[in-house]
Amino acid sequence: MFYYEGECLISTATDDGSVATTGDPLPEKLVQTVLRNKTAVFDKDVEVNGKNYYGYYCPLPDTAASQEAFACVFVGREKSEIVALHKAESAKN
């Protein structure tokens, strides 16, 4: 998901009908951390379209003189996928 000034503008997340959704606005705590403090954040409790994700928010600083972050990118995987992968790897070991 691509966020600009806290609003999700672009997303590859889909609803059950395979239609891309833009998602919810960036929560205020993340606006402060990611956009204002320009700090990347890993979040293990993200909900997108009713599904739980592990995710990473990365600020995209403005390349102009201000160097303020107005945008960020969210990349995540469904928790169920990660748990299944972990169980499969544990079974191998």
PDB file of N, CA and C in Angstrom:
ATOM      1  N   MET A   1       0.840  -1.166   0.000  1.00  0.00           N
ATOM      2  CA  MET A   1       0.000   0.000   0.000  1.00  0.00           C
ATOM      3  C   MET A   1       0.891   1.237   0.000  1.00  0.00           C
ATOM      4  N   PHE A   2       0.470   2.238  -0.722  1.00  0.00           N
ATOM      5  CA  PHE A   2       1.188   3.504  -0.767  1.00  0.00           C
ATOM      6  C   PHE A   2       0.341   4.558  -0.073  1.00  0.00           C
ATOM      7  N   TYR A   3       0.913   5.176   0.957  1.00  0.00           N
ATOM      8  CA  TYR A   3       0.233   6.222   1.719  1.00  0.00           C
ATOM      9  C   TYR A   3       0.872   7.571   1.411  1.00  0.00           C
ATOM     10  N   TYR A   4       0.028   8.559   1.198  1.00  0.00           N
ATOM     11  CA  TYR A   4       0.501   9.931   1.026  1.00  0.00           C
ATOM     12  C   TYR A   4      -0.234  10.790   2.040  1.00  0.00           C
ATOM     13  N   GLU A   5       0.519  11.459   2.898  1.00  0.00           N
ATOM     14  CA  GLU A   5      -0.030  12.280   3.978  1.00  0.00           C
ATOM     15  C   GLU A   5      -1.078  11.512   4.788  1.00  0.00           C
ATOM     16  N   GLY A   6      -0.798  10.238   5.030  1.00  0.00           N
ATOM     17  CA  GLY A   6      -1.650   9.421   5.880  1.00  0.00           C
ATOM     18  C   GLY A   6      -2.809   8.723   5.197  1.00  0.00           C
ATOM     19  N   GLU A   7      -3.074   9.045   3.943  1.00  0.00           N
ATOM     20  CA  GLU A   7      -4.178   8.421   3.210  1.00  0.00           C
ATOM     21  C   GLU A   7      -3.640   7.366   2.251  1.00  0.00           C
ATOM     22  N   CYS A   8      -4.285   6.198   2.228  1.00  0.00           N
ATOM     23  CA  CYS A   8      -3.879   5.130   1.323  1.00  0.00           C
ATOM     24  C   CYS A   8      -4.398   5.457  -0.075  1.00  0.00           C
ATOM     25  N   LEU A   9      -3.478   5.675  -1.019  1.00  0.00           N
ATOM     26  CA  LEU A   9      -3.865   6.035  -2.378  1.00  0.00           C
ATOM     27  C   LEU A   9      -3.804   4.859  -3.341  1.00  0.00           C
ATOM     28  N   ILE A  10      -2.853   3.962  -3.131  1.00  0.00           N
ATOM     29  CA  ILE A  10      -2.659   2.831  -4.033  1.00  0.00           C
ATOM     30  C   ILE A  10      -2.493   1.570  -3.203  1.00  0.00           C
ATOM     31  N   SER A  11      -3.114   0.495  -3.650  1.00  0.00           N
ATOM     32  CA  SER A  11      -3.012  -0.761  -2.928  1.00  0.00           C
ATOM     33  C   SER A  11      -3.130  -1.936  -3.881  1.00  0.00           C
ATOM     34  N   THR A  12      -2.419  -3.001  -3.572  1.00  0.00           N
ATOM     35  CA  THR A  12      -2.591  -4.252  -4.308  1.00  0.00           C
ATOM     36  C   THR A  12      -3.446  -5.223  -3.502  1.00  0.00           C
ATOM     37  N   ALA A  13      -3.848  -4.823  -2.279  1.00  0.00           N
ATOM     38  CA  ALA A  13      -4.736  -5.657  -1.467  1.00  0.00           C
ATOM     39  C   ALA A  13      -6.090  -5.729  -2.162  1.00  0.00           C
ATOM     40  N   THR A  14      -6.689  -6.895  -2.139  1.00  0.00           N
ATOM     41  CA  THR A  14      -7.978  -7.074  -2.799  1.00  0.00           C
ATOM     42  C   THR A  14      -9.032  -7.524  -1.808  1.00  0.00           C
ATOM     43  N   ASP A  15     -10.269  -7.214  -2.134  1.00  0.00           N
ATOM     44  CA  ASP A  15     -11.363  -7.746  -1.327  1.00  0.00           C
ATOM     45  C   ASP A  15     -11.652  -9.155  -1.830  1.00  0.00           C
ATOM     46  N   ASP A  16     -12.659  -9.799  -1.322  1.00  0.00           N
ATOM     47  CA  ASP A  16     -12.952 -11.179  -1.713  1.00  0.00           C
ATOM     48  C   ASP A  16     -13.304 -11.323  -3.193  1.00  0.00           C
ATOM     49  N   GLY A  17     -13.699 -10.247  -3.825  1.00  0.00           N
ATOM     50  CA  GLY A  17     -14.035 -10.284  -5.242  1.00  0.00           C
ATOM     51  C   GLY A  17     -12.880  -9.895  -6.141  1.00  0.00           C
ATOM     52  N   SER A  18     -11.668  -9.878  -5.614  1.00  0.00           N
ATOM     53  CA  SER A  18     -10.449  -9.525  -6.347  1.00  0.00           C
ATOM     54  C   SER A  18     -10.452  -8.102  -6.894  1.00  0.00           C
ATOM     55  N   VAL A  19     -11.091  -7.193  -6.183  1.00  0.00           N
ATOM     56  CA  VAL A  19     -11.083  -5.780  -6.545  1.00  0.00           C
ATOM     57  C   VAL A  19     -10.115  -5.078  -5.597  1.00  0.00           C
ATOM     58  N   ALA A  20      -9.159  -4.341  -6.149  1.00  0.00           N
ATOM     59  CA  ALA A  20      -8.179  -3.634  -5.318  1.00  0.00           C
ATOM     60  C   ALA A  20      -8.875  -2.616  -4.431  1.00  0.00           C
ATOM     61  N   THR A  21      -8.450  -2.553  -3.185  1.00  0.00           N
ATOM     62  CA  THR A  21      -9.009  -1.595  -2.245  1.00  0.00           C
ATOM     63  C   THR A  21      -7.919  -0.631  -1.799  1.00  0.00           C
ATOM     64  N   THR A  22      -8.323   0.549  -1.392  1.00  0.00           N
ATOM     65  CA  THR A  22      -7.318   1.515  -0.957  1.00  0.00           C
ATOM     66  C   THR A  22      -7.000   1.398   0.510  1.00  0.00           C
ATOM     67  N   GLY A  23      -7.840   0.771   1.301  1.00  0.00           N
ATOM     68  CA  GLY A  23      -7.537   0.575   2.708  1.00  0.00           C
ATOM     69  C   GLY A  23      -7.857   1.780   3.570  1.00  0.00           C
ATOM     70  N   ASP A  24      -7.625   1.588   4.860  1.00  0.00           N
ATOM     71  CA  ASP A  24      -7.906   2.622   5.845  1.00  0.00           C
ATOM     72  C   ASP A  24      -6.782   3.643   5.890  1.00  0.00           C
ATOM     73  N   PRO A  25      -7.074   4.825   6.435  1.00  0.00           N
ATOM     74  CA  PRO A  25      -6.001   5.813   6.630  1.00  0.00           C
ATOM     75  C   PRO A  25      -4.947   5.274   7.593  1.00  0.00           C
ATOM     76  N   LEU A  26      -3.770   5.817   7.519  1.00  0.00           N
ATOM     77  CA  LEU A  26      -2.681   5.446   8.421  1.00  0.00           C
ATOM     78  C   LEU A  26      -3.074   5.873   9.838  1.00  0.00           C
ATOM     79  N   PRO A  27      -3.002   4.950  10.819  1.00  0.00           N
ATOM     80  CA  PRO A  27      -3.341   5.339  12.194  1.00  0.00           C
ATOM     81  C   PRO A  27      -2.445   6.477  12.689  1.00  0.00           C
ATOM     82  N   GLU A  28      -2.993   7.331  13.546  1.00  0.00           N
ATOM     83  CA  GLU A  28      -2.274   8.518  14.015  1.00  0.00           C
ATOM     84  C   GLU A  28      -0.928   8.188  14.636  1.00  0.00           C
ATOM     85  N   LYS A  29      -0.832   7.083  15.396  1.00  0.00           N
ATOM     86  CA  LYS A  29       0.454   6.716  16.002  1.00  0.00           C
ATOM     87  C   LYS A  29       1.514   6.437  14.926  1.00  0.00           C
ATOM     88  N   LEU A  30       1.088   5.906  13.779  1.00  0.00           N
ATOM     89  CA  LEU A  30       2.037   5.653  12.696  1.00  0.00           C
ATOM     90  C   LEU A  30       2.346   6.919  11.915  1.00  0.00           C
ATOM     91  N   VAL A  31       1.385   7.820  11.813  1.00  0.00           N
ATOM     92  CA  VAL A  31       1.659   9.114  11.164  1.00  0.00           C
ATOM     93  C   VAL A  31       2.790   9.807  11.905  1.00  0.00           C
ATOM     94  N   GLN A  32       2.699   9.810  13.223  1.00  0.00           N
ATOM     95  CA  GLN A  32       3.731  10.456  14.038  1.00  0.00           C
ATOM     96  C   GLN A  32       5.082   9.774  13.858  1.00  0.00           C
ATOM     97  N   THR A  33       5.110   8.457  13.956  1.00  0.00           N
ATOM     98  CA  THR A  33       6.375   7.721  13.905  1.00  0.00           C
ATOM     99  C   THR A  33       6.969   7.660  12.502  1.00  0.00           C
ATOM    100  N   VAL A  34       6.160   7.249  11.555  1.00  0.00           N
ATOM    101  CA  VAL A  34       6.670   7.012  10.195  1.00  0.00           C
ATOM    102  C   VAL A  34       6.839   8.304   9.411  1.00  0.00           C
ATOM    103  N   LEU A  35       5.805   9.129   9.381  1.00  0.00           N
ATOM    104  CA  LEU A  35       5.864  10.332   8.542  1.00  0.00           C
ATOM    105  C   LEU A  35       6.609  11.488   9.194  1.00  0.00           C
ATOM    106  N   ARG A  36       6.347  11.750  10.472  1.00  0.00           N
ATOM    107  CA  ARG A  36       6.978  12.906  11.108  1.00  0.00           C
ATOM    108  C   ARG A  36       8.393  12.606  11.588  1.00  0.00           C
ATOM    109  N   ASN A  37       8.605  11.426  12.172  1.00  0.00           N
ATOM    110  CA  ASN A  37       9.935  11.073  12.690  1.00  0.00           C
ATOM    111  C   ASN A  37      10.784  10.321  11.677  1.00  0.00           C
ATOM    112  N   LYS A  38      10.197  10.001  10.529  1.00  0.00           N
ATOM    113  CA  LYS A  38      10.898   9.277   9.445  1.00  0.00           C
ATOM    114  C   LYS A  38      11.532   7.985   9.950  1.00  0.00           C
ATOM    115  N   THR A  39      10.770   7.213  10.714  1.00  0.00           N
ATOM    116  CA  THR A  39      11.253   5.970  11.284  1.00  0.00           C
ATOM    117  C   THR A  39      10.434   4.806  10.734  1.00  0.00           C
ATOM    118  N   ALA A  40      11.110   3.773  10.245  1.00  0.00           N
ATOM    119  CA  ALA A  40      10.418   2.577   9.767  1.00  0.00           C
ATOM    120  C   ALA A  40       9.829   1.826  10.955  1.00  0.00           C
ATOM    121  N   VAL A  41       8.699   1.164  10.725  1.00  0.00           N
ATOM    122  CA  VAL A  41       7.992   0.457  11.795  1.00  0.00           C
ATOM    123  C   VAL A  41       7.570  -0.921  11.316  1.00  0.00           C
ATOM    124  N   PHE A  42       7.850  -1.950  12.142  1.00  0.00           N
ATOM    125  CA  PHE A  42       7.316  -3.287  11.919  1.00  0.00           C
ATOM    126  C   PHE A  42       6.115  -3.440  12.837  1.00  0.00           C
ATOM    127  N   ASP A  43       4.995  -3.880  12.284  1.00  0.00           N
ATOM    128  CA  ASP A  43       3.768  -4.040  13.072  1.00  0.00           C
ATOM    129  C   ASP A  43       3.250  -5.457  12.874  1.00  0.00           C
ATOM    130  N   LYS A  44       3.035  -6.169  13.972  1.00  0.00           N
ATOM    131  CA  LYS A  44       2.572  -7.550  13.864  1.00  0.00           C
ATOM    132  C   LYS A  44       1.070  -7.679  14.072  1.00  0.00           C
ATOM    133  N   ASP A  45       0.362  -6.575  14.013  1.00  0.00           N
ATOM    134  CA  ASP A  45      -1.079  -6.605  14.203  1.00  0.00           C
ATOM    135  C   ASP A  45      -1.756  -5.596  13.278  1.00  0.00           C
ATOM    136  N   VAL A  46      -1.712  -5.865  11.982  1.00  0.00           N
ATOM    137  CA  VAL A  46      -2.307  -4.979  10.985  1.00  0.00           C
ATOM    138  C   VAL A  46      -3.523  -5.687  10.385  1.00  0.00           C
ATOM    139  N   GLU A  47      -4.622  -4.975  10.274  1.00  0.00           N
ATOM    140  CA  GLU A  47      -5.812  -5.556   9.655  1.00  0.00           C
ATOM    141  C   GLU A  47      -6.049  -4.884   8.310  1.00  0.00           C
ATOM    142  N   VAL A  48      -6.170  -5.711   7.270  1.00  0.00           N
ATOM    143  CA  VAL A  48      -6.463  -5.217   5.926  1.00  0.00           C
ATOM    144  C   VAL A  48      -7.602  -6.072   5.382  1.00  0.00           C
ATOM    145  N   ASN A  49      -8.697  -5.443   5.037  1.00  0.00           N
ATOM    146  CA  ASN A  49      -9.871  -6.144   4.509  1.00  0.00           C
ATOM    147  C   ASN A  49     -10.307  -7.304   5.395  1.00  0.00           C
ATOM    148  N   GLY A  50     -10.249  -7.113   6.697  1.00  0.00           N
ATOM    149  CA  GLY A  50     -10.699  -8.130   7.630  1.00  0.00           C
ATOM    150  C   GLY A  50      -9.716  -9.270   7.861  1.00  0.00           C
ATOM    151  N   LYS A  51      -8.514  -9.174   7.289  1.00  0.00           N
ATOM    152  CA  LYS A  51      -7.498 -10.210   7.474  1.00  0.00           C
ATOM    153  C   LYS A  51      -6.335  -9.626   8.264  1.00  0.00           C
ATOM    154  N   ASN A  52      -5.698 -10.470   9.072  1.00  0.00           N
ATOM    155  CA  ASN A  52      -4.582 -10.025   9.900  1.00  0.00           C
ATOM    156  C   ASN A  52      -3.254 -10.208   9.174  1.00  0.00           C
ATOM    157  N   TYR A  53      -2.403  -9.193   9.286  1.00  0.00           N
ATOM    158  CA  TYR A  53      -1.114  -9.177   8.598  1.00  0.00           C
ATOM    159  C   TYR A  53       0.017  -8.841   9.554  1.00  0.00           C
ATOM    160  N   TYR A  54       1.202  -9.305   9.199  1.00  0.00           N
ATOM    161  CA  TYR A  54       2.442  -8.757   9.724  1.00  0.00           C
ATOM    162  C   TYR A  54       2.864  -7.746   8.673  1.00  0.00           C
ATOM    163  N   GLY A  55       3.332  -6.587   9.072  1.00  0.00           N
ATOM    164  CA  GLY A  55       3.664  -5.592   8.064  1.00  0.00           C
ATOM    165  C   GLY A  55       4.784  -4.661   8.464  1.00  0.00           C
ATOM    166  N   TYR A  56       5.316  -3.996   7.463  1.00  0.00           N
ATOM    167  CA  TYR A  56       6.438  -3.075   7.624  1.00  0.00           C
ATOM    168  C   TYR A  56       6.081  -1.772   6.920  1.00  0.00           C
ATOM    169  N   TYR A  57       6.152  -0.667   7.648  1.00  0.00           N
ATOM    170  CA  TYR A  57       5.909   0.668   7.097  1.00  0.00           C
ATOM    171  C   TYR A  57       7.251   1.362   6.917  1.00  0.00           C
ATOM    172  N   CYS A  58       7.510   1.841   5.729  1.00  0.00           N
ATOM    173  CA  CYS A  58       8.792   2.495   5.436  1.00  0.00           C
ATOM    174  C   CYS A  58       8.529   3.909   4.911  1.00  0.00           C
ATOM    175  N   PRO A  59       9.087   4.943   5.564  1.00  0.00           N
ATOM    176  CA  PRO A  59       8.867   6.312   5.097  1.00  0.00           C
ATOM    177  C   PRO A  59       9.590   6.575   3.776  1.00  0.00           C
ATOM    178  N   LEU A  60       9.015   7.432   2.986  1.00  0.00           N
ATOM    179  CA  LEU A  60       9.630   7.871   1.730  1.00  0.00           C
ATOM    180  C   LEU A  60       9.874   9.360   1.854  1.00  0.00           C
ATOM    181  N   PRO A  61      11.095   9.772   2.212  1.00  0.00           N
ATOM    182  CA  PRO A  61      11.353  11.195   2.417  1.00  0.00           C
ATOM    183  C   PRO A  61      11.274  11.986   1.116  1.00  0.00           C
ATOM    184  N   ASP A  62      10.828  13.212   1.244  1.00  0.00           N
ATOM    185  CA  ASP A  62      10.780  14.147   0.126  1.00  0.00           C
ATOM    186  C   ASP A  62      12.219  14.471  -0.255  1.00  0.00           C
ATOM    187  N   THR A  63      12.525  14.424  -1.528  1.00  0.00           N
ATOM    188  CA  THR A  63      13.891  14.718  -1.962  1.00  0.00           C
ATOM    189  C   THR A  63      14.156  16.212  -2.090  1.00  0.00           C
ATOM    190  N   ALA A  64      13.144  17.022  -1.827  1.00  0.00           N
ATOM    191  CA  ALA A  64      13.331  18.477  -1.845  1.00  0.00           C
ATOM    192  C   ALA A  64      14.110  18.893  -0.603  1.00  0.00           C
ATOM    193  N   ALA A  65      14.331  20.147  -0.457  1.00  0.00           N
ATOM    194  CA  ALA A  65      15.147  20.668   0.642  1.00  0.00           C
ATOM    195  C   ALA A  65      14.614  20.315   2.027  1.00  0.00           C
ATOM    196  N   SER A  66      13.321  20.146   2.165  1.00  0.00           N
ATOM    197  CA  SER A  66      12.746  19.920   3.490  1.00  0.00           C
ATOM    198  C   SER A  66      13.083  18.546   4.062  1.00  0.00           C
ATOM    199  N   GLN A  67      13.239  17.542   3.221  1.00  0.00           N
ATOM    200  CA  GLN A  67      13.518  16.167   3.635  1.00  0.00           C
ATOM    201  C   GLN A  67      12.447  15.603   4.557  1.00  0.00           C
ATOM    202  N   GLU A  68      11.261  16.171   4.567  1.00  0.00           N
ATOM    203  CA  GLU A  68      10.172  15.622   5.372  1.00  0.00           C
ATOM    204  C   GLU A  68       9.562  14.434   4.651  1.00  0.00           C
ATOM    205  N   ALA A  69       9.081  13.485   5.413  1.00  0.00           N
ATOM    206  CA  ALA A  69       8.404  12.331   4.825  1.00  0.00           C
ATOM    207  C   ALA A  69       6.915  12.641   4.717  1.00  0.00           C
ATOM    208  N   PHE A  70       6.392  12.635   3.526  1.00  0.00           N
ATOM    209  CA  PHE A  70       4.972  12.838   3.302  1.00  0.00           C
ATOM    210  C   PHE A  70       4.306  11.531   2.908  1.00  0.00           C
ATOM    211  N   ALA A  71       5.117  10.549   2.541  1.00  0.00           N
ATOM    212  CA  ALA A  71       4.591   9.294   2.038  1.00  0.00           C
ATOM    213  C   ALA A  71       5.284   8.115   2.711  1.00  0.00           C
ATOM    214  N   CYS A  72       4.605   6.980   2.680  1.00  0.00           N
ATOM    215  CA  CYS A  72       5.228   5.751   3.159  1.00  0.00           C
ATOM    216  C   CYS A  72       4.634   4.580   2.397  1.00  0.00           C
ATOM    217  N   VAL A  73       5.338   3.465   2.465  1.00  0.00           N
ATOM    218  CA  VAL A  73       4.900   2.241   1.818  1.00  0.00           C
ATOM    219  C   VAL A  73       4.683   1.196   2.900  1.00  0.00           C
ATOM    220  N   PHE A  74       3.613   0.440   2.780  1.00  0.00           N
ATOM    221  CA  PHE A  74       3.346  -0.689   3.670  1.00  0.00           C
ATOM    222  C   PHE A  74       3.486  -1.964   2.859  1.00  0.00           C
ATOM    223  N   VAL A  75       4.280  -2.891   3.372  1.00  0.00           N
ATOM    224  CA  VAL A  75       4.429  -4.205   2.762  1.00  0.00           C
ATOM    225  C   VAL A  75       4.089  -5.226   3.831  1.00  0.00           C
ATOM    226  N   GLY A  76       3.215  -6.176   3.527  1.00  0.00           N
ATOM    227  CA  GLY A  76       2.822  -7.143   4.537  1.00  0.00           C
ATOM    228  C   GLY A  76       2.485  -8.494   3.951  1.00  0.00           C
ATOM    229  N   ARG A  77       2.415  -9.477   4.852  1.00  0.00           N
ATOM    230  CA  ARG A  77       1.976 -10.832   4.510  1.00  0.00           C
ATOM    231  C   ARG A  77       0.938 -11.252   5.523  1.00  0.00           C
ATOM    232  N   GLU A  78      -0.034 -12.027   5.069  1.00  0.00           N
ATOM    233  CA  GLU A  78      -1.058 -12.514   5.974  1.00  0.00           C
ATOM    234  C   GLU A  78      -0.434 -13.378   7.063  1.00  0.00           C
ATOM    235  N   LYS A  79      -0.902 -13.183   8.286  1.00  0.00           N
ATOM    236  CA  LYS A  79      -0.391 -13.967   9.407  1.00  0.00           C
ATOM    237  C   LYS A  79      -0.566 -15.457   9.159  1.00  0.00           C
ATOM    238  N   SER A  80      -1.682 -15.841   8.575  1.00  0.00           N
ATOM    239  CA  SER A  80      -1.934 -17.264   8.336  1.00  0.00           C
ATOM    240  C   SER A  80      -0.875 -17.872   7.421  1.00  0.00           C
ATOM    241  N   GLU A  81      -0.402 -17.112   6.441  1.00  0.00           N
ATOM    242  CA  GLU A  81       0.665 -17.597   5.546  1.00  0.00           C
ATOM    243  C   GLU A  81       1.972 -17.780   6.314  1.00  0.00           C
ATOM    244  N   ILE A  82       2.289 -16.831   7.175  1.00  0.00           N
ATOM    245  CA  ILE A  82       3.526 -16.896   7.942  1.00  0.00           C
ATOM    246  C   ILE A  82       3.474 -18.052   8.937  1.00  0.00           C
ATOM    247  N   VAL A  83       2.340 -18.234   9.590  1.00  0.00           N
ATOM    248  CA  VAL A  83       2.192 -19.336  10.550  1.00  0.00           C
ATOM    249  C   VAL A  83       2.320 -20.681   9.835  1.00  0.00           C
ATOM    250  N   ALA A  84       1.678 -20.831   8.671  1.00  0.00           N
ATOM    251  CA  ALA A  84       1.774 -22.071   7.912  1.00  0.00           C
ATOM    252  C   ALA A  84       3.219 -22.342   7.482  1.00  0.00           C
ATOM    253  N   LEU A  85       3.915 -21.315   7.036  1.00  0.00           N
ATOM    254  CA  LEU A  85       5.304 -21.463   6.623  1.00  0.00           C
ATOM    255  C   LEU A  85       6.167 -21.868   7.811  1.00  0.00           C
ATOM    256  N   HIS A  86       5.947 -21.240   8.946  1.00  0.00           N
ATOM    257  CA  HIS A  86       6.694 -21.560  10.159  1.00  0.00           C
ATOM    258  C   HIS A  86       6.447 -23.008  10.588  1.00  0.00           C
ATOM    259  N   LYS A  87       5.192 -23.450  10.538  1.00  0.00           N
ATOM    260  CA  LYS A  87       4.871 -24.833  10.911  1.00  0.00           C
ATOM    261  C   LYS A  87       5.545 -25.822   9.957  1.00  0.00           C
ATOM    262  N   ALA A  88       5.526 -25.518   8.671  1.00  0.00           N
ATOM    263  CA  ALA A  88       6.156 -26.416   7.686  1.00  0.00           C
ATOM    264  C   ALA A  88       7.663 -26.496   7.924  1.00  0.00           C
ATOM    265  N   GLU A  89       8.288 -25.365   8.187  1.00  0.00           N
ATOM    266  CA  GLU A  89       9.745 -25.367   8.446  1.00  0.00           C
ATOM    267  C   GLU A  89      10.075 -26.072   9.746  1.00  0.00           C
ATOM    268  N   SER A  90       9.230 -25.911  10.764  1.00  0.00           N
ATOM    269  CA  SER A  90       9.444 -26.593  12.046  1.00  0.00           C
ATOM    270  C   SER A  90       9.316 -28.100  11.884  1.00  0.00           C
ATOM    271  N   ALA A  91       8.374 -28.526  11.069  1.00  0.00           N
ATOM    272  CA  ALA A  91       8.184 -29.962  10.830  1.00  0.00           C
ATOM    273  C   ALA A  91       9.400 -30.564  10.120  1.00  0.00           C
ATOM    274  N   LYS A  92      10.015 -29.798   9.228  1.00  0.00           N
ATOM    275  CA  LYS A  92      11.234 -30.277   8.536  1.00  0.00           C
ATOM    276  C   LYS A  92      12.371 -30.488   9.517  1.00  0.00           C
ATOM    277  N   ASN A  93      12.469 -29.566  10.473  1.00  0.00           N
ATOM    278  CA  ASN A  93      13.569 -29.662  11.447  1.00  0.00           C
ATOM    279  C   ASN A  93      13.325 -30.771  12.425  1.00  0.00           C
TER     280      ASN A  93
END
